[in-house]
C-alpha atoms as a PDB file:
ATOM      1  CA  MET A   1     -37.750 -25.039  -7.459  1.00  0.00           C
ATOM      2  CA  PRO A   2     -34.274 -24.883  -9.106  1.00  0.00           C
ATOM      3  CA  ASP A   3     -31.193 -24.293  -6.982  1.00  0.00           C
ATOM      4  CA  LYS A   4     -29.990 -20.732  -6.738  1.00  0.00           C
ATOM      5  CA  PRO A   5     -26.765 -20.214  -8.758  1.00  0.00           C
ATOM      6  CA  ASP A   6     -23.600 -19.854  -6.654  1.00  0.00           C
ATOM      7  CA  TYR A   7     -22.229 -16.452  -7.678  1.00  0.00           C
ATOM      8  CA  LYS A   8     -19.143 -14.678  -6.402  1.00  0.00           C
ATOM      9  CA  THR A   9     -18.877 -10.936  -6.880  1.00  0.00           C
ATOM     10  CA  LEU A  10     -15.347  -9.768  -7.649  1.00  0.00           C
ATOM     11  CA  LYS A  11     -14.279  -6.148  -7.582  1.00  0.00           C
ATOM     12  CA  ILE A  12     -11.812  -4.849 -10.173  1.00  0.00           C
ATOM     13  CA  THR A  13      -8.931  -3.200  -8.356  1.00  0.00           C
ATOM     14  CA  GLN A  14      -5.650  -1.446  -9.153  1.00  0.00           C
ATOM     15  CA  ILE A  15      -2.640  -3.786  -8.869  1.00  0.00           C
ATOM     16  CA  GLY A  16       0.506  -1.805  -9.667  1.00  0.00           C
ATOM     17  CA  ASN A  17       0.023  -0.392 -13.175  1.00  0.00           C
ATOM     18  CA  SER A  18      -2.584  -3.031 -14.017  1.00  0.00           C
ATOM     19  CA  LEU A  19      -6.136  -3.917 -13.101  1.00  0.00           C
ATOM     20  CA  GLY A  20      -7.025  -7.217 -11.495  1.00  0.00           C
ATOM     21  CA  VAL A  21      -9.352  -9.162  -9.256  1.00  0.00           C
ATOM     22  CA  VAL A  22      -8.650 -10.975  -5.997  1.00  0.00           C
ATOM     23  CA  LEU A  23     -10.068 -14.495  -5.837  1.00  0.00           C
ATOM     24  CA  PRO A  24     -11.649 -15.498  -2.519  1.00  0.00           C
ATOM     25  CA  LYS A  25     -10.007 -18.323  -0.529  1.00  0.00           C
ATOM     26  CA  GLU A  26     -12.851 -20.737  -1.235  1.00  0.00           C
ATOM     27  CA  VAL A  27     -12.500 -20.192  -4.996  1.00  0.00           C
ATOM     28  CA  LEU A  28      -8.743 -20.842  -4.802  1.00  0.00           C
ATOM     29  CA  ALA A  29      -9.453 -24.006  -2.798  1.00  0.00           C
ATOM     30  CA  ASP A  30     -12.064 -25.175  -5.334  1.00  0.00           C
ATOM     31  CA  LEU A  31      -9.586 -24.617  -8.176  1.00  0.00           C
ATOM     32  CA  ASN A  32      -6.823 -26.240  -6.089  1.00  0.00           C
ATOM     33  CA  VAL A  33      -4.404 -23.395  -6.858  1.00  0.00           C
ATOM     34  CA  GLU A  34      -2.041 -21.270  -4.836  1.00  0.00           C
ATOM     35  CA  ARG A  35       0.385 -18.402  -5.357  1.00  0.00           C
ATOM     36  CA  GLY A  36       2.521 -18.915  -8.463  1.00  0.00           C
ATOM     37  CA  ASP A  37       0.141 -21.377 -10.163  1.00  0.00           C
ATOM     38  CA  LYS A  38      -1.376 -20.548 -13.533  1.00  0.00           C
ATOM     39  CA  ILE A  39      -5.092 -20.409 -14.246  1.00  0.00           C
ATOM     40  CA  TYR A  40      -6.680 -20.134 -17.668  1.00  0.00           C
ATOM     41  CA  LEU A  41      -9.491 -17.892 -18.813  1.00  0.00           C
ATOM     42  CA  SER A  42     -11.452 -19.051 -21.844  1.00  0.00           C
ATOM     43  CA  ARG A  43     -14.412 -17.553 -23.634  1.00  0.00           C
ATOM     44  CA  SER A  44     -17.662 -19.507 -23.488  1.00  0.00           C
ATOM     45  CA  PRO A  45     -21.190 -18.896 -24.777  1.00  0.00           C
ATOM     46  CA  ASP A  46     -22.129 -17.669 -21.280  1.00  0.00           C
ATOM     47  CA  GLY A  47     -19.113 -15.370 -20.831  1.00  0.00           C
ATOM     48  CA  TYR A  48     -15.802 -16.745 -19.545  1.00  0.00           C
ATOM     49  CA  ASN A  49     -14.620 -19.843 -17.714  1.00  0.00           C
ATOM     50  CA  VAL A  50     -11.718 -20.025 -15.281  1.00  0.00           C
ATOM     51  CA  THR A  51      -9.900 -23.339 -14.982  1.00  0.00           C
ATOM     52  CA  LYS A  52      -6.640 -24.770 -13.692  1.00  0.00           C
ATOM     53  CA  SER A  53      -6.131 -27.011 -16.711  1.00  0.00           C
ATOM     54  CA  ASP A  54      -4.636 -25.614 -19.909  1.00  0.00           C
ATOM     55  CA  PRO A  55      -7.384 -25.785 -22.577  1.00  0.00           C
ATOM     56  CA  GLU A  56      -4.823 -26.094 -25.404  1.00  0.00           C
ATOM     57  CA  PHE A  57      -3.117 -29.037 -23.673  1.00  0.00           C
ATOM     58  CA  GLU A  58      -6.508 -30.683 -23.070  1.00  0.00           C
ATOM     59  CA  HIS A  59      -7.309 -30.281 -26.782  1.00  0.00           C
ATOM     60  CA  GLN A  60      -3.982 -31.866 -27.765  1.00  0.00           C
ATOM     61  CA  MET A  61      -4.558 -34.752 -25.334  1.00  0.00           C
ATOM     62  CA  LYS A  62      -8.011 -35.377 -26.802  1.00  0.00           C
ATOM     63  CA  ILE A  63      -6.425 -35.725 -30.250  1.00  0.00           C
ATOM     64  CA  ALA A  64      -3.649 -37.960 -28.878  1.00  0.00           C
ATOM     65  CA  ARG A  65      -6.180 -40.251 -27.143  1.00  0.00           C
ATOM     66  CA  ARG A  66      -8.159 -40.581 -30.377  1.00  0.00           C
ATOM     67  CA  ILE A  67      -5.023 -41.476 -32.339  1.00  0.00           C
ATOM     68  CA  MET A  68      -3.911 -43.975 -29.683  1.00  0.00           C
ATOM     69  CA  LYS A  69      -7.329 -45.620 -29.776  1.00  0.00           C
ATOM     70  CA  GLU A  70      -7.364 -45.793 -33.587  1.00  0.00           C
ATOM     71  CA  ARG A  71      -3.763 -47.064 -33.817  1.00  0.00           C
ATOM     72  CA  TYR A  72      -3.735 -49.279 -30.717  1.00  0.00           C
ATOM     73  CA  ASP A  73      -2.488 -52.407 -32.520  1.00  0.00           C
ATOM     74  CA  MET A  74       0.319 -50.578 -34.293  1.00  0.00           C
ATOM     75  CA  LEU A  75       1.448 -48.817 -31.092  1.00  0.00           C
ATOM     76  CA  ARG A  76       1.365 -52.119 -29.188  1.00  0.00           C
ATOM     77  CA  GLU A  77       3.670 -53.683 -31.806  1.00  0.00           C
ATOM     78  CA  LEU A  78       6.072 -50.752 -31.649  1.00  0.00           C
ATOM     79  CA  ALA A  79       6.216 -51.029 -27.845  1.00  0.00           C
ATOM     80  CA  LYS A  80       7.598 -54.605 -28.062  1.00  0.00           C
END
């Protein structure tokens, strides 16, 4: 029998003039974030994902890694 999904129910609440949700302590610990840190919300086929890493930065790093792999010899020469 498949494992039961681990869901957290969050209630939308009034925070000043805005609406927001409060993340439970265990979620903050899993994300390794604390007050003042940024988290990122991105759309996915299943809804939304919350992550600590900046998706745009990750995309740029993926491109940079590909270029570094393709141009390894040239970059090694320039580093001399």
